[in-house]
All heavy atoms as atom14 arrays in JSON, in Angstrom:
{
  "sequence": "SGGGLVQPGGSLRLSCAAAGFTFINYAMGWYR",
  "atom14_mask": [
    [1, 1, 1, 1, 1, 1, 0, 0, 0, 0, 0, 0, 0, 0],
    [1, 1, 1, 1, 0, 0, 0, 0, 0, 0, 0, 0, 0, 0],
    [1, 1, 1, 1, 0, 0, 0, 0, 0, 0, 0, 0, 0, 0],
    [1, 1, 1, 1, 0, 0, 0, 0, 0, 0, 0, 0, 0, 0],
    [1, 1, 1, 1, 1, 1, 1, 1, 0, 0, 0, 0, 0, 0],
    [1, 1, 1, 1, 1, 1, 1, 0, 0, 0, 0, 0, 0, 0],
    [1, 1, 1, 1, 1, 1, 1, 1, 1, 0, 0, 0, 0, 0],
    [1, 1, 1, 1, 1, 1, 1, 0, 0, 0, 0, 0, 0, 0],
    [1, 1, 1, 1, 0, 0, 0, 0, 0, 0, 0, 0, 0, 0],
    [1, 1, 1, 1, 0, 0, 0, 0, 0, 0, 0, 0, 0, 0],
    [1, 1, 1, 1, 1, 1, 0, 0, 0, 0, 0, 0, 0, 0],
    [1, 1, 1, 1, 1, 1, 1, 1, 0, 0, 0, 0, 0, 0],
    [1, 1, 1, 1, 1, 1, 1, 1, 1, 1, 1, 0, 0, 0],
    [1, 1, 1, 1, 1, 1, 1, 1, 0, 0, 0, 0, 0, 0],
    [1, 1, 1, 1, 1, 1, 0, 0, 0, 0, 0, 0, 0, 0],
    [1, 1, 1, 1, 1, 1, 0, 0, 0, 0, 0, 0, 0, 0],
    [1, 1, 1, 1, 1, 0, 0, 0, 0, 0, 0, 0, 0, 0],
    [1, 1, 1, 1, 1, 0, 0, 0, 0, 0, 0, 0, 0, 0],
    [1, 1, 1, 1, 1, 0, 0, 0, 0, 0, 0, 0, 0, 0],
    [1, 1, 1, 1, 0, 0, 0, 0, 0, 0, 0, 0, 0, 0],
    [1, 1, 1, 1, 1, 1, 1, 1, 1, 1, 1, 0, 0, 0],
    [1, 1, 1, 1, 1, 1, 1, 0, 0, 0, 0, 0, 0, 0],
    [1, 1, 1, 1, 1, 1, 1, 1, 1, 1, 1, 0, 0, 0],
    [1, 1, 1, 1, 1, 1, 1, 1, 0, 0, 0, 0, 0, 0],
    [1, 1, 1, 1, 1, 1, 1, 1, 0, 0, 0, 0, 0, 0],
    [1, 1, 1, 1, 1, 1, 1, 1, 1, 1, 1, 1, 0, 0],
    [1, 1, 1, 1, 1, 0, 0, 0, 0, 0, 0, 0, 0, 0],
    [1, 1, 1, 1, 1, 1, 1, 1, 0, 0, 0, 0, 0, 0],
    [1, 1, 1, 1, 0, 0, 0, 0, 0, 0, 0, 0, 0, 0],
    [1, 1, 1, 1, 1, 1, 1, 1, 1, 1, 1, 1, 1, 1],
    [1, 1, 1, 1, 1, 1, 1, 1, 1, 1, 1, 1, 0, 0],
    [1, 1, 1, 1, 1, 1, 1, 1, 1, 1, 1, 0, 0, 0]
  ],
  "atom14_positions": [
    [[-11.93, -11.04, -1.51], [-13.23, -10.39, -1.62], [-13.04, -8.92, -1.97], [-11.9, -8.42, -1.92], [-14.01, -10.53, -0.32], [-13.32, -9.89, 0.74], [0.0, 0.0, 0.0], [0.0, 0.0, 0.0], [0.0, 0.0, 0.0], [0.0, 0.0, 0.0], [0.0, 0.0, 0.0], [0.0, 0.0, 0.0], [0.0, 0.0, 0.0], [0.0, 0.0, 0.0]],
    [[-14.14, -8.26, -2.31], [-14.09, -6.83, -2.55], [-14.15, -6.41, -4.0], [-14.18, -5.21, -4.29], [0.0, 0.0, 0.0], [0.0, 0.0, 0.0], [0.0, 0.0, 0.0], [0.0, 0.0, 0.0], [0.0, 0.0, 0.0], [0.0, 0.0, 0.0], [0.0, 0.0, 0.0], [0.0, 0.0, 0.0], [0.0, 0.0, 0.0], [0.0, 0.0, 0.0]],
    [[-14.14, -7.35, -4.91], [-14.2, -7.0, -6.32], [-15.58, -6.49, -6.72], [-16.52, -6.48, -5.91], [0.0, 0.0, 0.0], [0.0, 0.0, 0.0], [0.0, 0.0, 0.0], [0.0, 0.0, 0.0], [0.0, 0.0, 0.0], [0.0, 0.0, 0.0], [0.0, 0.0, 0.0], [0.0, 0.0, 0.0], [0.0, 0.0, 0.0], [0.0, 0.0, 0.0]],
    [[-15.68, -6.07, -7.96], [-16.95, -5.58, -8.47], [-16.79, -4.85, -9.77], [-15.72, -4.89, -10.39], [0.0, 0.0, 0.0], [0.0, 0.0, 0.0], [0.0, 0.0, 0.0], [0.0, 0.0, 0.0], [0.0, 0.0, 0.0], [0.0, 0.0, 0.0], [0.0, 0.0, 0.0], [0.0, 0.0, 0.0], [0.0, 0.0, 0.0], [0.0, 0.0, 0.0]],
    [[-17.86, -4.18, -10.17], [-17.87, -3.39, -11.4], [-17.67, -1.93, -11.02], [-18.39, -1.41, -10.15], [-19.2, -3.58, -12.12], [-19.45, -2.68, -13.34], [-18.43, -2.96, -14.44], [-20.88, -2.88, -13.85], [0.0, 0.0, 0.0], [0.0, 0.0, 0.0], [0.0, 0.0, 0.0], [0.0, 0.0, 0.0], [0.0, 0.0, 0.0], [0.0, 0.0, 0.0]],
    [[-16.73, -1.28, -11.67], [-16.43, 0.11, -11.37], [-16.12, 0.84, -12.67], [-15.61, 0.23, -13.62], [-15.26, 0.21, -10.37], [-13.98, -0.35, -10.95], [-15.06, 1.63, -9.88], [0.0, 0.0, 0.0], [0.0, 0.0, 0.0], [0.0, 0.0, 0.0], [0.0, 0.0, 0.0], [0.0, 0.0, 0.0], [0.0, 0.0, 0.0], [0.0, 0.0, 0.0]],
    [[-16.44, 2.11, -12.71], [-16.15, 2.92, -13.9], [-14.66, 3.28, -13.93], [-14.01, 3.34, -12.89], [-16.99, 4.18, -13.89], [-18.47, 3.93, -14.11], [-19.25, 5.22, -14.28], [-18.79, 6.3, -13.93], [-20.44, 5.11, -14.85], [0.0, 0.0, 0.0], [0.0, 0.0, 0.0], [0.0, 0.0, 0.0], [0.0, 0.0, 0.0], [0.0, 0.0, 0.0]],
    [[-14.14, 3.55, -15.12], [-12.75, 4.01, -15.21], [-12.54, 5.24, -14.33], [-13.39, 6.13, -14.28], [-12.6, 4.35, -16.69], [-13.55, 3.45, -17.37], [-14.73, 3.35, -16.46], [0.0, 0.0, 0.0], [0.0, 0.0, 0.0], [0.0, 0.0, 0.0], [0.0, 0.0, 0.0], [0.0, 0.0, 0.0], [0.0, 0.0, 0.0], [0.0, 0.0, 0.0]],
    [[-11.41, 5.25, -13.63], [-11.11, 6.31, -12.69], [-11.6, 6.04, -11.28], [-11.25, 6.78, -10.35], [0.0, 0.0, 0.0], [0.0, 0.0, 0.0], [0.0, 0.0, 0.0], [0.0, 0.0, 0.0], [0.0, 0.0, 0.0], [0.0, 0.0, 0.0], [0.0, 0.0, 0.0], [0.0, 0.0, 0.0], [0.0, 0.0, 0.0], [0.0, 0.0, 0.0]],
    [[-12.38, 5.01, -11.12], [-12.92, 4.67, -9.81], [-11.94, 3.9, -8.94], [-10.79, 3.67, -9.32], [0.0, 0.0, 0.0], [0.0, 0.0, 0.0], [0.0, 0.0, 0.0], [0.0, 0.0, 0.0], [0.0, 0.0, 0.0], [0.0, 0.0, 0.0], [0.0, 0.0, 0.0], [0.0, 0.0, 0.0], [0.0, 0.0, 0.0], [0.0, 0.0, 0.0]],
    [[-12.43, 3.5, -7.76], [-11.59, 2.81, -6.78], [-12.29, 1.57, -6.25], [-13.52, 1.5, -6.21], [-11.28, 3.74, -5.6], [-10.55, 4.88, -6.01], [0.0, 0.0, 0.0], [0.0, 0.0, 0.0], [0.0, 0.0, 0.0], [0.0, 0.0, 0.0], [0.0, 0.0, 0.0], [0.0, 0.0, 0.0], [0.0, 0.0, 0.0], [0.0, 0.0, 0.0]],
    [[-11.49, 0.62, -5.84], [-11.95, -0.56, -5.13], [-10.9, -0.95, -4.1], [-9.71, -0.68, -4.3], [-12.16, -1.75, -6.09], [-13.4, -1.78, -6.96], [-13.31, -2.96, -7.93], [-14.67, -1.89, -6.12], [0.0, 0.0, 0.0], [0.0, 0.0, 0.0], [0.0, 0.0, 0.0], [0.0, 0.0, 0.0], [0.0, 0.0, 0.0], [0.0, 0.0, 0.0]],
    [[-11.34, -1.6, -3.05], [-10.42, -2.14, -2.06], [-10.65, -3.64, -1.95], [-11.74, -4.06, -1.54], [-10.62, -1.48, -0.7], [-9.54, -1.89, 0.32], [-9.95, -1.48, 1.72], [-8.83, -1.57, 2.66], [-8.99, -1.82, 3.96], [-10.2, -1.99, 4.46], [-7.94, -1.87, 4.76], [0.0, 0.0, 0.0], [0.0, 0.0, 0.0], [0.0, 0.0, 0.0]],
    [[-9.64, -4.4, -2.29], [-9.71, -5.85, -2.2], [-9.17, -6.3, -0.85], [-8.26, -5.69, -0.29], [-8.91, -6.51, -3.31], [-9.23, -6.09, -4.74], [-8.41, -6.92, -5.73], [-10.71, -6.2, -5.03], [0.0, 0.0, 0.0], [0.0, 0.0, 0.0], [0.0, 0.0, 0.0], [0.0, 0.0, 0.0], [0.0, 0.0, 0.0], [0.0, 0.0, 0.0]],
    [[-9.75, -7.39, -0.35], [-9.3, -7.97, 0.9], [-8.97, -9.44, 0.69], [-9.58, -10.11, -0.14], [-10.39, -7.86, 1.97], [-10.71, -6.51, 2.25], [0.0, 0.0, 0.0], [0.0, 0.0, 0.0], [0.0, 0.0, 0.0], [0.0, 0.0, 0.0], [0.0, 0.0, 0.0], [0.0, 0.0, 0.0], [0.0, 0.0, 0.0], [0.0, 0.0, 0.0]],
    [[-8.02, -9.92, 1.46], [-7.65, -11.34, 1.43], [-7.54, -11.82, 2.87], [-6.71, -11.32, 3.63], [-6.33, -11.53, 0.7], [-5.62, -13.19, 0.86], [0.0, 0.0, 0.0], [0.0, 0.0, 0.0], [0.0, 0.0, 0.0], [0.0, 0.0, 0.0], [0.0, 0.0, 0.0], [0.0, 0.0, 0.0], [0.0, 0.0, 0.0], [0.0, 0.0, 0.0]],
    [[-8.38, -12.78, 3.22], [-8.34, -13.39, 4.54], [-7.5, -14.65, 4.48], [-7.79, -15.55, 3.67], [-9.74, -13.69, 5.02], [0.0, 0.0, 0.0], [0.0, 0.0, 0.0], [0.0, 0.0, 0.0], [0.0, 0.0, 0.0], [0.0, 0.0, 0.0], [0.0, 0.0, 0.0], [0.0, 0.0, 0.0], [0.0, 0.0, 0.0], [0.0, 0.0, 0.0]],
    [[-6.47, -14.72, 5.3], [-5.54, -15.85, 5.28], [-5.66, -16.69, 6.54], [-5.87, -16.14, 7.63], [-4.11, -15.34, 5.14], [0.0, 0.0, 0.0], [0.0, 0.0, 0.0], [0.0, 0.0, 0.0], [0.0, 0.0, 0.0], [0.0, 0.0, 0.0], [0.0, 0.0, 0.0], [0.0, 0.0, 0.0], [0.0, 0.0, 0.0], [0.0, 0.0, 0.0]],
    [[-5.55, -17.99, 6.39], [-5.63, -18.88, 7.54], [-4.84, -20.15, 7.27], [-4.57, -20.49, 6.11], [-7.09, -19.23, 7.83], [0.0, 0.0, 0.0], [0.0, 0.0, 0.0], [0.0, 0.0, 0.0], [0.0, 0.0, 0.0], [0.0, 0.0, 0.0], [0.0, 0.0, 0.0], [0.0, 0.0, 0.0], [0.0, 0.0, 0.0], [0.0, 0.0, 0.0]],
    [[-4.44, -20.82, 8.35], [-3.78, -22.11, 8.21], [-2.27, -22.05, 8.2], [-1.61, -23.09, 7.99], [0.0, 0.0, 0.0], [0.0, 0.0, 0.0], [0.0, 0.0, 0.0], [0.0, 0.0, 0.0], [0.0, 0.0, 0.0], [0.0, 0.0, 0.0], [0.0, 0.0, 0.0], [0.0, 0.0, 0.0], [0.0, 0.0, 0.0], [0.0, 0.0, 0.0]],
    [[-1.7, -20.88, 8.41], [-0.25, -20.75, 8.47], [0.08, -19.55, 9.36], [-0.8, -18.76, 9.7], [0.35, -20.58, 7.08], [-0.11, -19.36, 6.33], [0.67, -18.22, 6.27], [-1.33, -19.36, 5.67], [0.25, -17.09, 5.57], [-1.77, -18.24, 4.97], [-0.98, -17.1, 4.93], [0.0, 0.0, 0.0], [0.0, 0.0, 0.0], [0.0, 0.0, 0.0]],
    [[1.35, -19.42, 9.72], [1.78, -18.31, 10.57], [1.97, -17.09, 9.7], [3.02, -16.9, 9.09], [3.06, -18.67, 11.33], [2.86, -19.89, 12.06], [3.42, -17.56, 12.32], [0.0, 0.0, 0.0], [0.0, 0.0, 0.0], [0.0, 0.0, 0.0], [0.0, 0.0, 0.0], [0.0, 0.0, 0.0], [0.0, 0.0, 0.0], [0.0, 0.0, 0.0]],
    [[0.93, -16.3, 9.63], [0.83, -15.21, 8.66], [2.03, -14.26, 8.72], [2.57, -13.89, 7.67], [-0.46, -14.44, 8.94], [-0.74, -13.32, 7.99], [-1.21, -13.57, 6.71], [-0.55, -12.0, 8.38], [-1.47, -12.53, 5.83], [-0.82, -10.95, 7.51], [-1.28, -11.22, 6.24], [0.0, 0.0, 0.0], [0.0, 0.0, 0.0], [0.0, 0.0, 0.0]],
    [[2.46, -13.91, 9.89], [3.5, -12.9, 10.04], [4.83, -13.38, 9.48], [5.73, -12.58, 9.22], [3.63, -12.47, 11.51], [4.4, -11.14, 11.62], [4.3, -13.57, 12.34], [4.36, -10.53, 13.01], [0.0, 0.0, 0.0], [0.0, 0.0, 0.0], [0.0, 0.0, 0.0], [0.0, 0.0, 0.0], [0.0, 0.0, 0.0], [0.0, 0.0, 0.0]],
    [[4.99, -14.66, 9.25], [6.24, -15.21, 8.74], [6.4, -15.1, 7.23], [7.47, -15.42, 6.69], [6.39, -16.68, 9.14], [6.69, -16.85, 10.62], [6.97, -15.88, 11.32], [6.63, -18.08, 11.08], [0.0, 0.0, 0.0], [0.0, 0.0, 0.0], [0.0, 0.0, 0.0], [0.0, 0.0, 0.0], [0.0, 0.0, 0.0], [0.0, 0.0, 0.0]],
    [[5.33, -14.7, 6.54], [5.33, -14.75, 5.08], [5.11, -13.4, 4.43], [4.26, -12.6, 4.87], [4.24, -15.71, 4.59], [4.55, -17.15, 4.86], [4.22, -17.73, 6.09], [5.2, -17.94, 3.92], [4.53, -19.06, 6.36], [5.51, -19.27, 4.17], [5.16, -19.81, 5.39], [5.48, -21.13, 5.64], [0.0, 0.0, 0.0], [0.0, 0.0, 0.0]],
    [[5.87, -13.16, 3.35], [5.53, -12.08, 2.44], [4.3, -12.52, 1.66], [4.14, -13.71, 1.34], [6.69, -11.79, 1.5], [0.0, 0.0, 0.0], [0.0, 0.0, 0.0], [0.0, 0.0, 0.0], [0.0, 0.0, 0.0], [0.0, 0.0, 0.0], [0.0, 0.0, 0.0], [0.0, 0.0, 0.0], [0.0, 0.0, 0.0], [0.0, 0.0, 0.0]],
    [[3.45, -11.56, 1.34], [2.2, -11.86, 0.63], [2.13, -11.05, -0.66], [2.68, -9.95, -0.75], [1.0, -11.54, 1.51], [0.92, -12.36, 2.79], [0.66, -14.11, 2.49], [-0.99, -14.1, 1.77], [0.0, 0.0, 0.0], [0.0, 0.0, 0.0], [0.0, 0.0, 0.0], [0.0, 0.0, 0.0], [0.0, 0.0, 0.0], [0.0, 0.0, 0.0]],
    [[1.42, -11.6, -1.61], [1.3, -10.91, -2.89], [-0.11, -10.93, -3.44], [-0.92, -11.78, -3.06], [0.0, 0.0, 0.0], [0.0, 0.0, 0.0], [0.0, 0.0, 0.0], [0.0, 0.0, 0.0], [0.0, 0.0, 0.0], [0.0, 0.0, 0.0], [0.0, 0.0, 0.0], [0.0, 0.0, 0.0], [0.0, 0.0, 0.0], [0.0, 0.0, 0.0]],
    [[-0.36, -9.97, -4.31], [-1.58, -9.95, -5.11], [-1.19, -10.24, -6.57], [-0.16, -9.75, -7.05], [-2.29, -8.6, -5.03], [-3.09, -8.41, -3.78], [-2.7, -7.75, -2.65], [-4.41, -8.87, -3.53], [-3.71, -7.79, -1.71], [-4.77, -8.47, -2.23], [-5.35, -9.59, -4.28], [-6.02, -8.75, -1.66], [-6.58, -9.88, -3.71], [-6.91, -9.46, -2.43]],
    [[-2.05, -11.0, -7.22], [-1.83, -11.39, -8.6], [-3.15, -11.21, -9.34], [-4.21, -11.09, -8.72], [-1.4, -12.86, -8.68], [-0.19, -13.18, -7.85], [-0.29, -13.38, -6.48], [1.09, -13.25, -8.43], [0.84, -13.64, -5.7], [2.21, -13.53, -7.66], [2.07, -13.72, -6.3], [3.18, -13.98, -5.53], [0.0, 0.0, 0.0], [0.0, 0.0, 0.0]],
    [[-3.08, -11.2, -10.68], [-4.33, -11.11, -11.43], [-4.22, -11.94, -12.72], [-3.13, -12.19, -13.21], [-4.67, -9.66, -11.75], [-3.68, -8.94, -12.64], [-4.03, -7.45, -12.71], [-3.07, -6.71, -13.54], [-3.07, -5.39, -13.67], [-3.98, -4.66, -13.02], [-2.19, -4.79, -14.45], [0.0, 0.0, 0.0], [0.0, 0.0, 0.0], [0.0, 0.0, 0.0]]
  ]
}
Protein backbone atom coordinates (compact mmCIF):
# COMPACT_ATOMS: atom_id res chain seq x y z
CA SER A 1 0.00 0.00 0.00
CA GLY A 2 0.97 3.65 -0.13
CA GLY A 3 1.28 4.25 -3.84
CA GLY A 4 -0.22 7.17 -5.70
CA LEU A 5 0.34 10.02 -8.09
CA VAL A 6 3.18 12.37 -7.23
CA GLN A 7 5.03 15.13 -9.06
CA PRO A 8 8.70 14.72 -9.99
CA GLY A 9 10.85 15.48 -6.97
CA GLY A 10 8.14 14.38 -4.59
CA SER A 11 8.07 11.59 -2.02
CA LEU A 12 6.02 8.54 -1.18
CA ARG A 13 6.26 5.90 1.51
CA LEU A 14 5.23 2.39 0.56
CA SER A 15 4.23 -0.21 3.12
CA CYS A 16 4.10 -4.00 2.93
CA ALA A 17 2.16 -6.02 5.49
CA ALA A 18 3.43 -9.59 5.73
CA ALA A 19 1.68 -12.58 7.26
CA GLY A 20 1.77 -16.36 7.24
CA PHE A 21 5.47 -16.89 7.90
CA THR A 22 8.08 -16.12 10.56
CA PHE A 23 8.90 -12.64 9.36
CA ILE A 24 12.12 -12.15 11.30
CA ASN A 25 13.67 -15.19 9.61
CA TYR A 26 13.54 -13.69 6.11
CA ALA A 27 15.27 -10.99 4.14
CA MET A 28 12.67 -8.91 2.33
CA GLY A 29 12.76 -7.02 -0.91
CA TRP A 30 10.94 -4.43 -2.95
CA TYR A 31 10.53 -4.92 -6.68
CA ARG A 32 8.82 -2.98 -9.45
